[in-house]
Structures are given as structure tokens and as C-alpha cells.
């Protein structure tokens, strides 16, 4: 078997066999196939596409290119949740303790943020001492004991995907549907959960800008999960404006904690309830959405979800006191209001621009080597549909550098558009594929 022949076959519109895809992934991971040949293959796939069988074969080959976590020692159904990323998306921090408090076993592997979207691992490290470098044995024990554990992705999980993604990132072949789906699902399958709940974002702050593409990606990932024998559900949700009000690591953790106290933003709370209901059903803790919603609400009202967050933080070396006293979380030295320079109804917020403002402040990574400032970010006061008077505050900005603050504030004002009449608000939940 020669890589040259496989490239030519796909270039000419042919369908790659499972054994050909397995050969390609195995040999590339072992450095027996060159980057320039694999680049040619990625470009051929970009233009010619892959059918369902090819995509499934690629996903499984990447999943099996490294360690396949064995979670059989965990009692019950293991549930994982994945978001395709967005601005202000702190969902896992509130959602996982809610679901765990309702009896679902949450075994989750998460990554760090790169660019304007934040990573769950970075946000969790806002808790002083929090550690995500868990051994497999400790990970399993913690899920059995308290119902939830979140660990960082290791180099042994889907190493083929890591190599391929780095190559796609520099060859303009990232945004191909089958390659995106196989990249996400290979890591989820290798992580070992029995059920996977996907939050697929769409809008100006999401990878999938238009709704049609988001639904197509969701459908492809659900199909891949089910072909691999995993219960898989996808929720398609809005990311045309930041989720909640807080954007920035420690700021988002504070907002997640407020949500567990029953005082969170309406949109963020609604998304947690929607995703949580799917997790409870997939995990066998609830028979339908009505029962699941009631259980999730009760976990907040009786304080068990907040207690579960504290137990989870403590189990992973963090200070649980910060759950009850958020002043113990990292705090910025500079706090300023960003005043609106005009009056009107907010008609649109360029969500990605808001994320870039947080990045400029130091709250995100421009490269993998960048060091994040966990304390910086923004808290919005006005969102789409809200009326703003001239001079009224649009947001509070948190920074540790005057020049970065000035640059971010100027850019933030350009992210807002205004109208004379109130705009129609879009739906938060676009659909559920189950």
C-alpha cells in the first residue's frame, strides 16, 4: 500500500476503504508518512469530501491511535459532555455538578482554550490549587466516590488527531465537515464514556457561523457516536452573542457559581437545564425531560449542586472555600466601565469581537505557549434587545494593564450595533438531535 496511490484515489473522487484509512492514520502517527503527503490528502478530502463509512473509519482509526480509556470500573452509565466552543461558555462548571448531584456519573476530559474561546481546564484553575493532571486510577476512583471528575487531555489520547489538527491548521483544511466531526468524536470515543451529549454552537462567536452547517455537523457527530455504540445526543445552541454576561476565566467561574445558587443569567441557566436534561436521560437518572428538569431545579434549590461543586474542587486539590466565597478567586487590579457612545436598542453583538477583547486583556491564548491571566475579562450589562442610553455602561472591564485595557475597550465598542426599534430576539436552543 502506498500513500501516493491513496492521495490519487481521493483526488479523483474515489472512496477510501477502511484498511486504507487505518494504514494512513497508523503510518502517519508513526512518522512513516510525510507531512507534505498528508497535507495533500487533507486537501483532497477538503475538496472531495468523505462518505459516512470513510468518516467513521477515520474517527475510529484516530481514536485507536493511542490509549482507549477503560472506565468499566465506574459503576453505572458514564456520561461526557462536549461543547464546540464559544464566548462566555462556562457551562461545564455549573452543569457537571448539577448532573452529578442528580446521580449521573460524569467522566469528562477537557482541553485548554486557544484563541478567543476559553477552555474548561483554564477556568477550573481559577480555584487555587486545582489539578487536572489525574491518573486513570484516580480519575475512576473520584467518579465512583463523588460522581464527577474532569481531567486534562493527555498526549496518549488520540495522538493522530493532535498531529492531523496541527497540520490542518496551517494548510487551510480545518473547516471540512467530516474532518471536524472525526476530530471531535475520536477524542470523545477514546475518553471511554458510554453516553455523549454535544453542545454544537452556531453564530458569530462559534466555529459554525450559520445554522445549516451547525445542524449538519451535529448530525454527523451523532451518527459517528451511534455507529461506535455510544448513546449520543446533540443540542444546537445560539452563540450569536456571549453566553451569560461574564467573559473571562475567573469571572465566568463566579457566574457559574451564582447559577448554582439560583441567581444566574436566564440564557445560561436555560442552556444548563437543556443539556442537563439530556445528560440525565442518557445516564438513566430520568425517564423524560419533565422529570429531568424537576430534578435539576431541585439540585439547585436544595444546595446539593453547589455542595457537589465544592466536593469536586476539593477532590482535585482546589480550595473549596472559593465556591462559597468568590473573593478568593483571582481578581484584576483595574476595573472600568465602558460607556455607550450612542442611544438605542442593541440589535447585534459581534460575539467573536467580544472574545478577542478578553484575549487582548490576557484572558486567552494567541499561541499554545501563551500564559493566561485568569483574573481579566468583561462583564456585559446590555445584550441584544436591551435599550441603552448614551453614556450608560455597556460592560465592566477587568484588567491588569492600562494599555491592554484601552485597546480592549475601544474594540469592544465596535462590537455593538444599535437600532431605533427593538430587534427580534433569536432562539437560544435551535434544535436537539437525539
Protein backbone atom coordinates (compact mmCIF):
# COMPACT_ATOMS: atom_id res chain seq x y z
CA UNK A 1 0.00 0.00 0.00
CA UNK A 2 1.38 3.43 -0.99
CA UNK A 3 0.32 6.85 0.23
CA UNK A 4 0.79 8.18 -3.31
CA UNK A 5 -1.93 5.84 -4.59
CA UNK A 6 -4.32 6.80 -1.78
CA UNK A 7 -3.85 10.52 -2.46
CA UNK A 8 -4.54 9.98 -6.16
CA UNK A 9 -7.60 7.84 -5.39
CA UNK A 10 -9.17 10.52 -3.19
CA UNK A 11 -8.10 13.34 -5.54
CA UNK A 12 -10.03 11.62 -8.33
CA UNK A 13 -13.17 11.22 -6.21
CA UNK A 14 -12.68 7.65 -5.07
CA UNK A 15 -13.84 6.15 -1.76
CA UNK A 16 -11.11 5.02 0.62
CA UNK A 17 -11.51 1.58 2.19
CA UNK A 18 -11.35 1.12 5.96
CA UNK A 19 -8.00 -0.68 5.77
CA UNK A 20 -6.56 2.13 3.63
CA UNK A 21 -7.63 4.76 6.17
CA UNK A 22 -6.27 2.67 9.05
CA UNK A 23 -2.95 2.33 7.22
CA UNK A 24 -2.79 6.08 6.56
CA UNK A 25 -3.51 7.05 10.19
CA UNK A 26 -1.22 4.39 11.67
CA UNK A 27 1.75 5.21 9.44
CA UNK A 28 1.36 8.98 9.79
CA UNK A 29 1.22 8.72 13.59
CA UNK A 30 4.43 6.66 13.46
CA UNK A 31 6.10 9.34 11.26
CA UNK A 32 6.35 6.94 8.30
CA UNK A 33 4.24 9.25 6.11
CA UNK A 34 5.49 12.77 5.48
CA UNK A 35 3.64 15.97 6.34
CA UNK A 36 3.58 17.02 2.67
CA UNK A 37 1.84 13.81 1.61
CA UNK A 38 -0.70 14.04 4.43
CA UNK A 39 -1.27 17.72 3.54
CA UNK A 40 -2.10 16.62 0.02
CA UNK A 41 -4.55 14.05 1.38
CA UNK A 42 -6.23 16.61 3.65
CA UNK A 43 -6.68 18.96 0.69
CA UNK A 44 -8.08 16.12 -1.44
CA UNK A 45 -10.58 15.33 1.35
CA UNK A 46 -11.39 19.04 1.68
CA UNK A 47 -12.50 19.20 -1.96
CA UNK A 48 -13.82 15.66 -2.48
CA UNK A 49 -15.34 15.01 0.95
CA UNK A 50 -15.84 11.71 2.76
CA UNK A 51 -18.91 9.48 2.98
CA UNK A 52 -20.30 8.17 6.29
CA UNK A 53 -18.24 4.94 6.19
CA UNK A 54 -15.00 6.82 5.46
CA UNK A 55 -15.68 9.33 8.24
CA UNK A 56 -16.44 6.53 10.70
CA UNK A 57 -13.24 4.68 9.73
CA UNK A 58 -11.16 7.85 10.16
CA UNK A 59 -12.74 8.57 13.55
CA UNK A 60 -12.13 5.07 14.89
CA UNK A 61 -8.59 4.93 13.50
CA UNK A 62 -7.70 8.21 15.25
CA UNK A 63 -9.42 7.10 18.47
CA UNK A 64 -7.41 3.87 18.48
CA UNK A 65 -4.12 5.60 17.62
CA UNK A 66 -3.40 5.94 21.35
CA UNK A 67 -4.85 5.00 24.72
CA UNK A 68 -8.51 3.95 24.88
CA UNK A 69 -9.59 4.73 28.45
CA UNK A 70 -11.24 1.84 30.25
CA UNK A 71 -13.97 3.17 32.55
CA UNK A 72 -15.59 -0.21 33.23
CA UNK A 73 -14.64 0.08 36.91
CA UNK A 74 -17.02 3.04 37.27
CA UNK A 75 -20.48 1.97 38.40
CA UNK A 76 -23.38 2.88 36.14
CA UNK A 77 -23.58 4.79 32.87
CA UNK A 78 -20.69 7.22 32.31
CA UNK A 79 -21.71 10.47 30.62
CA UNK A 80 -19.47 13.04 28.90
CA UNK A 81 -20.41 16.47 27.56
CA UNK A 82 -18.63 18.42 24.84
CA UNK A 83 -19.09 21.96 23.52
CA UNK A 84 -17.76 23.11 20.16
CA UNK A 85 -16.71 26.33 21.94
CA UNK A 86 -17.86 29.89 22.27
CA UNK A 87 -17.59 33.13 24.20
CA UNK A 88 -18.65 33.04 27.85
CA UNK A 89 -19.26 29.29 27.65
CA UNK A 90 -18.67 28.23 31.25
CA UNK A 91 -21.36 25.53 31.03
CA UNK A 92 -19.33 22.58 32.33
CA UNK A 93 -18.56 24.34 35.63
CA UNK A 94 -22.24 24.64 36.55
CA UNK A 95 -23.68 21.74 34.58
CA UNK A 96 -21.48 18.85 35.72
CA UNK A 97 -22.15 19.31 39.47
CA UNK A 98 -25.87 19.71 38.75
CA UNK A 99 -25.97 16.43 36.83
CA UNK A 100 -23.75 14.65 39.38
CA UNK A 101 -26.00 15.84 42.22
CA UNK A 102 -28.86 14.11 40.37
CA UNK A 103 -27.00 10.78 40.32
CA UNK A 104 -25.34 10.86 36.88
CA UNK A 105 -21.70 9.72 36.69
CA UNK A 106 -19.70 12.44 34.89
CA UNK A 107 -16.36 11.26 33.48
CA UNK A 108 -15.12 14.19 31.43
CA UNK A 109 -11.91 15.00 29.61
CA UNK A 110 -11.45 18.68 28.70
CA UNK A 111 -8.91 20.88 26.96
CA UNK A 112 -7.41 24.32 27.33
CA UNK A 113 -8.52 27.35 25.37
CA UNK A 114 -6.76 28.58 22.24
CA UNK A 115 -7.68 31.91 20.67
CA UNK A 116 -10.80 33.77 21.74
CA UNK A 117 -12.68 30.75 23.15
CA UNK A 118 -11.95 29.77 26.74
CA UNK A 119 -11.07 26.27 27.89
CA UNK A 120 -12.74 24.48 30.80
CA UNK A 121 -9.36 23.47 32.27
CA UNK A 122 -8.17 27.10 32.37
CA UNK A 123 -11.37 28.23 34.08
CA UNK A 124 -11.20 25.48 36.69
CA UNK A 125 -7.65 26.52 37.53
CA UNK A 126 -9.14 29.77 38.85
CA UNK A 127 -9.71 27.71 42.01
CA UNK A 128 -6.38 27.94 43.88
CA UNK A 129 -4.57 24.58 43.73
CA UNK A 130 -6.96 22.89 41.29
CA UNK A 131 -5.26 20.00 39.45
CA UNK A 132 -6.45 18.31 36.26
CA UNK A 133 -3.43 16.03 35.72
CA UNK A 134 -5.16 12.95 37.14
CA UNK A 135 -4.01 9.37 36.70
CA UNK A 136 -6.56 6.98 35.20
CA UNK A 137 -6.88 5.19 38.55
CA UNK A 138 -7.53 8.43 40.47
CA UNK A 139 -9.98 9.57 37.77
CA UNK A 140 -12.03 6.37 38.09
CA UNK A 141 -11.95 6.43 41.91
CA UNK A 142 -13.14 10.04 42.03
CA UNK A 143 -16.08 9.42 39.69
CA UNK A 144 -17.14 6.46 41.82
CA UNK A 145 -16.79 8.42 45.07
CA UNK A 146 -18.31 11.83 44.26
CA UNK A 147 -19.85 11.33 40.82
CA UNK A 148 -17.75 13.77 38.79
CA UNK A 149 -14.16 14.19 37.61
CA UNK A 150 -12.65 16.38 34.89
CA UNK A 151 -9.14 15.72 33.68
CA UNK A 152 -6.96 17.35 31.05
CA UNK A 153 -6.44 15.68 27.70
CA UNK A 154 -3.26 13.65 27.69
CA UNK A 155 -0.79 13.12 24.84
CA UNK A 156 -1.84 9.45 24.80
CA UNK A 157 -5.44 10.21 23.83
CA UNK A 158 -5.93 10.24 20.03
CA UNK A 159 -2.36 11.33 19.14
CA UNK A 160 -3.20 11.01 15.44
CA UNK A 161 -5.79 13.74 15.82
CA UNK A 162 -3.30 16.03 17.53
CA UNK A 163 -0.87 15.64 14.62
CA UNK A 164 -3.54 15.98 11.96
CA UNK A 165 -5.15 19.04 13.54
CA UNK A 166 -1.81 20.86 13.72
CA UNK A 167 -1.30 20.09 10.03
CA UNK A 168 -4.83 21.17 9.03
CA UNK A 169 -4.41 24.39 11.00
CA UNK A 170 -1.57 25.53 8.71
CA UNK A 171 -2.89 24.15 5.41
CA UNK A 172 -6.37 25.80 5.37
CA UNK A 173 -8.17 22.45 5.74
CA UNK A 174 -9.71 22.89 9.20
CA UNK A 175 -13.28 23.70 8.16
CA UNK A 176 -14.25 20.46 6.42
CA UNK A 177 -17.27 18.77 7.98
CA UNK A 178 -16.00 15.17 8.14
CA UNK A 179 -12.60 16.26 9.44
CA UNK A 180 -14.18 18.42 12.17
CA UNK A 181 -16.57 15.65 13.23
CA UNK A 182 -13.90 12.94 13.29
CA UNK A 183 -11.52 15.19 15.25
CA UNK A 184 -14.07 15.85 17.99
CA UNK A 185 -15.51 12.36 18.16
CA UNK A 186 -12.19 10.49 18.08
CA UNK A 187 -11.25 12.15 21.40
CA UNK A 188 -14.69 11.55 22.88
CA UNK A 189 -14.65 7.86 21.94
CA UNK A 190 -11.12 7.40 23.28
CA UNK A 191 -12.20 9.01 26.57
CA UNK A 192 -14.37 5.98 27.33
CA UNK A 193 -17.81 7.41 28.24
CA UNK A 194 -20.95 5.39 27.49
CA UNK A 195 -23.02 8.44 26.53
CA UNK A 196 -22.03 11.74 24.92
CA UNK A 197 -24.03 14.97 24.98
CA UNK A 198 -22.84 17.52 22.42
CA UNK A 199 -23.43 21.28 22.54
CA UNK A 200 -22.98 22.48 18.96
CA UNK A 201 -22.73 26.26 18.77
CA UNK A 202 -23.83 28.45 15.88
CA UNK A 203 -23.46 32.21 15.33
CA UNK A 204 -20.85 34.95 15.21
CA UNK A 205 -18.88 33.57 18.17
CA UNK A 206 -18.96 29.94 17.02
CA UNK A 207 -16.88 27.87 14.65
CA UNK A 208 -20.03 27.15 12.66
CA UNK A 209 -21.30 30.62 11.72
CA UNK A 210 -24.53 29.54 10.05
CA UNK A 211 -27.26 27.32 11.43
CA UNK A 212 -27.39 24.91 8.49
CA UNK A 213 -23.73 23.97 8.93
CA UNK A 214 -24.19 23.55 12.69
CA UNK A 215 -27.07 21.09 12.16
CA UNK A 216 -25.03 19.19 9.55
CA UNK A 217 -22.09 18.88 11.94
CA UNK A 218 -24.37 17.82 14.80
CA UNK A 219 -25.98 15.14 12.62
CA UNK A 220 -22.60 13.81 11.52
CA UNK A 221 -21.29 13.58 15.09
CA UNK A 222 -24.45 11.89 16.40
CA UNK A 223 -24.16 9.34 13.58
CA UNK A 224 -20.49 8.70 14.40
CA UNK A 225 -21.25 8.20 18.07
CA UNK A 226 -24.03 5.76 17.41
CA UNK A 227 -22.01 3.82 14.82
CA UNK A 228 -19.40 3.40 17.60
CA UNK A 229 -22.06 2.10 20.01
CA UNK A 230 -22.34 5.22 22.20
CA UNK A 231 -25.55 6.99 23.17
CA UNK A 232 -25.13 10.38 21.50
CA UNK A 233 -27.32 13.50 21.58
CA UNK A 234 -26.60 16.93 20.11
CA UNK A 235 -28.10 20.25 21.22
CA UNK A 236 -27.68 23.08 18.71
CA UNK A 237 -27.46 26.38 20.63
CA UNK A 238 -27.03 30.06 19.86
CA UNK A 239 -23.63 31.76 20.04
CA UNK A 240 -24.53 34.96 18.21
CA UNK A 241 -23.88 36.83 21.44
CA UNK A 242 -21.90 35.83 24.56
CA UNK A 243 -23.48 33.21 26.80
CA UNK A 244 -24.48 34.82 30.08
CA UNK A 245 -22.76 38.11 30.95
CA UNK A 246 -19.25 37.16 32.07
CA UNK A 247 -16.37 36.63 29.62
CA UNK A 248 -13.03 35.68 31.18
CA UNK A 249 -11.87 32.76 33.30
CA UNK A 250 -12.41 33.66 36.98
CA UNK A 251 -15.31 35.96 36.05
CA UNK A 252 -17.06 33.06 34.34
CA UNK A 253 -16.44 30.81 37.35
CA UNK A 254 -18.17 33.41 39.55
CA UNK A 255 -21.15 33.46 37.19
CA UNK A 256 -21.35 29.65 37.18
CA UNK A 257 -21.38 29.66 40.99
CA UNK A 258 -24.14 32.28 41.00
CA UNK A 259 -26.11 30.00 38.69
CA UNK A 260 -25.77 27.12 41.15
CA UNK A 261 -27.20 29.49 43.76
CA UNK A 262 -30.22 30.06 41.51
CA UNK A 263 -29.15 33.59 40.55
CA UNK A 264 -27.56 33.01 37.14
CA UNK A 265 -28.36 34.66 33.78
CA UNK A 266 -31.53 33.39 32.12
CA UNK A 267 -29.87 32.18 28.91
CA UNK A 268 -27.02 30.40 30.67
CA UNK A 269 -29.41 28.75 33.15
CA UNK A 270 -31.69 27.62 30.31
CA UNK A 271 -28.80 26.03 28.41
CA UNK A 272 -27.59 24.21 31.54
CA UNK A 273 -31.10 22.86 32.07
CA UNK A 274 -31.43 21.73 28.44
CA UNK A 275 -28.07 19.99 28.33
CA UNK A 276 -28.52 18.64 31.85
CA UNK A 277 -31.85 17.07 30.96
CA UNK A 278 -30.24 15.21 28.06
CA UNK A 279 -27.43 14.04 30.35
CA UNK A 280 -29.88 12.74 32.97
CA UNK A 281 -31.88 10.86 30.34
CA UNK A 282 -28.75 9.42 28.68
CA UNK A 283 -27.40 8.41 32.09
CA UNK A 284 -30.63 6.67 33.11
CA UNK A 285 -31.32 9.04 36.03
CA UNK A 286 -34.54 10.42 34.46
CA UNK A 287 -37.09 8.89 32.12
CA UNK A 288 -38.05 12.07 30.28
CA UNK A 289 -37.35 15.81 30.06
CA UNK A 290 -40.06 16.82 32.54
CA UNK A 291 -38.63 14.59 35.26
CA UNK A 292 -35.06 15.69 34.41
CA UNK A 293 -35.90 19.41 34.63
CA UNK A 294 -37.55 18.89 38.03
CA UNK A 295 -34.51 17.03 39.34
CA UNK A 296 -32.07 19.68 38.10
CA UNK A 297 -34.12 22.52 39.60
CA UNK A 298 -34.23 20.66 42.93
CA UNK A 299 -30.43 20.21 42.93
CA UNK A 300 -30.07 24.00 42.78
CA UNK A 301 -32.86 24.81 45.23
CA UNK A 302 -31.65 22.42 47.94
CA UNK A 303 -27.99 23.42 47.53
CA UNK A 304 -26.79 19.92 46.58
CA UNK A 305 -25.38 21.08 43.22
CA UNK A 306 -23.28 23.79 44.92
CA UNK A 307 -22.06 21.27 47.52
CA UNK A 308 -21.16 18.88 44.70
CA UNK A 309 -19.06 21.61 43.04
CA UNK A 310 -17.21 22.17 46.35
CA UNK A 311 -16.58 18.43 46.76
CA UNK A 312 -15.35 18.18 43.16
CA UNK A 313 -12.98 21.15 43.57
CA UNK A 314 -11.61 19.76 46.85
CA UNK A 315 -11.13 16.27 45.37
CA UNK A 316 -8.90 17.74 42.66
CA UNK A 317 -6.74 19.78 45.04
CA UNK A 318 -8.59 23.09 44.79
CA UNK A 319 -9.76 25.31 47.64
CA UNK A 320 -13.47 24.57 48.21
CA UNK A 321 -13.79 27.79 50.25
CA UNK A 322 -13.69 29.70 46.94
CA UNK A 323 -17.01 28.07 45.99
CA UNK A 324 -18.67 29.80 48.93
CA UNK A 325 -16.54 32.96 48.94
CA UNK A 326 -15.75 34.01 45.36
CA UNK A 327 -13.50 36.85 46.57
CA UNK A 328 -10.87 34.09 46.94
CA UNK A 329 -10.79 33.70 43.14
CA UNK A 330 -8.22 35.71 41.11
CA UNK A 331 -9.17 39.41 40.88
CA UNK A 332 -7.91 42.12 38.49
CA UNK A 333 -6.34 45.35 39.75
CA UNK A 334 -8.06 47.67 37.22
CA UNK A 335 -11.85 47.91 36.93
CA UNK A 336 -13.51 50.36 34.49
CA UNK A 337 -16.91 50.93 32.95
CA UNK A 338 -17.31 51.03 29.15
CA UNK A 339 -19.90 53.72 28.39
CA UNK A 340 -22.03 53.63 25.24
CA UNK A 341 -21.38 56.47 22.79
CA UNK A 342 -24.94 56.34 21.46
CA UNK A 343 -28.52 55.51 22.42
CA UNK A 344 -30.80 52.80 21.06
CA UNK A 345 -31.69 49.14 21.25
CA UNK A 346 -28.84 46.65 20.99
CA UNK A 347 -29.52 44.95 17.66
CA UNK A 348 -26.38 42.84 17.32
CA UNK A 349 -23.23 41.92 19.23
CA UNK A 350 -20.24 40.59 17.32
CA UNK A 351 -19.59 37.73 19.70
CA UNK A 352 -16.15 36.90 18.34
CA UNK A 353 -15.03 40.52 18.82
CA UNK A 354 -16.02 40.35 22.49
CA UNK A 355 -13.95 37.19 22.82
CA UNK A 356 -10.99 38.91 21.19
CA UNK A 357 -11.31 41.75 23.72
CA UNK A 358 -10.82 39.19 26.50
CA UNK A 359 -7.88 37.76 24.55
CA UNK A 360 -6.28 41.21 24.28
CA UNK A 361 -6.59 41.65 28.05
CA UNK A 362 -4.68 38.39 28.55
CA UNK A 363 -7.65 36.09 29.15
CA UNK A 364 -6.94 33.83 26.17
CA UNK A 365 -4.06 32.27 24.23
CA UNK A 366 -2.66 33.55 20.94
CA UNK A 367 -0.27 30.56 20.90
CA UNK A 368 -0.12 27.32 22.86
CA UNK A 369 2.76 28.78 24.87
CA UNK A 370 0.82 31.89 25.99
CA UNK A 371 0.28 32.32 29.73
CA UNK A 372 -3.30 33.20 30.65
CA UNK A 373 -4.25 35.90 33.15
CA UNK A 374 -7.16 34.23 34.93
CA UNK A 375 -8.42 37.45 36.53
CA UNK A 376 -9.15 39.57 33.44
CA UNK A 377 -12.19 39.86 31.18
CA UNK A 378 -15.51 41.65 30.84
CA UNK A 379 -18.96 41.53 32.38
CA UNK A 380 -21.66 42.73 29.98
CA UNK A 381 -24.58 44.82 31.20
CA UNK A 382 -26.50 45.03 27.92
CA UNK A 383 -27.37 42.30 25.44
CA UNK A 384 -29.45 42.03 22.26
CA UNK A 385 -32.87 43.64 22.72
CA UNK A 386 -31.87 45.84 25.67
CA UNK A 387 -32.25 49.62 25.49
CA UNK A 388 -29.13 51.70 26.11
CA UNK A 389 -28.98 55.45 26.87
CA UNK A 390 -25.99 57.46 25.66
CA UNK A 391 -23.32 57.36 28.37
CA UNK A 392 -24.82 54.28 30.02
CA UNK A 393 -22.45 51.40 30.83
CA UNK A 394 -22.37 48.56 28.30
CA UNK A 395 -19.93 46.49 30.32
CA UNK A 396 -17.38 46.45 33.12
CA UNK A 397 -13.84 45.65 32.04
CA UNK A 398 -11.31 43.95 34.32
CA UNK A 399 -7.60 44.32 33.51
CA UNK A 400 -4.10 44.42 34.94
CA UNK A 401 -2.54 46.63 32.26
CA UNK A 402 -3.66 50.16 31.29
CA UNK A 403 -2.69 49.85 27.61
CA UNK A 404 -4.40 46.48 27.19
CA UNK A 405 -7.48 47.93 28.90
CA UNK A 406 -7.56 50.89 26.48
CA UNK A 407 -7.20 48.67 23.39
CA UNK A 408 -9.86 46.21 24.55
CA UNK A 409 -12.33 48.98 25.46
CA UNK A 410 -12.01 50.61 22.03
CA UNK A 411 -12.53 47.30 20.27
CA UNK A 412 -15.47 46.37 22.50
CA UNK A 413 -17.45 49.44 21.44
CA UNK A 414 -17.11 48.37 17.79
CA UNK A 415 -18.73 45.00 18.61
CA UNK A 416 -22.13 46.60 19.35
CA UNK A 417 -24.76 47.69 16.82
CA UNK A 418 -27.86 49.69 17.66
CA UNK A 419 -31.34 50.19 16.22
CA UNK A 420 -34.21 52.58 16.79
CA UNK A 421 -36.72 49.76 17.25
CA UNK A 422 -36.27 46.69 19.47
CA UNK A 423 -34.96 43.73 17.39
CA UNK A 424 -36.44 40.25 17.33
CA UNK A 425 -34.57 38.01 19.74
CA UNK A 426 -33.29 34.69 18.37
CA UNK A 427 -33.97 31.32 19.96
CA UNK A 428 -31.32 30.04 22.35
CA UNK A 429 -31.96 26.38 21.54
CA UNK A 430 -32.10 25.81 17.78
CA UNK A 431 -32.84 22.11 17.99
CA UNK A 432 -31.99 18.74 19.55
CA UNK A 433 -30.86 15.71 17.55
CA UNK A 434 -31.47 12.56 19.53
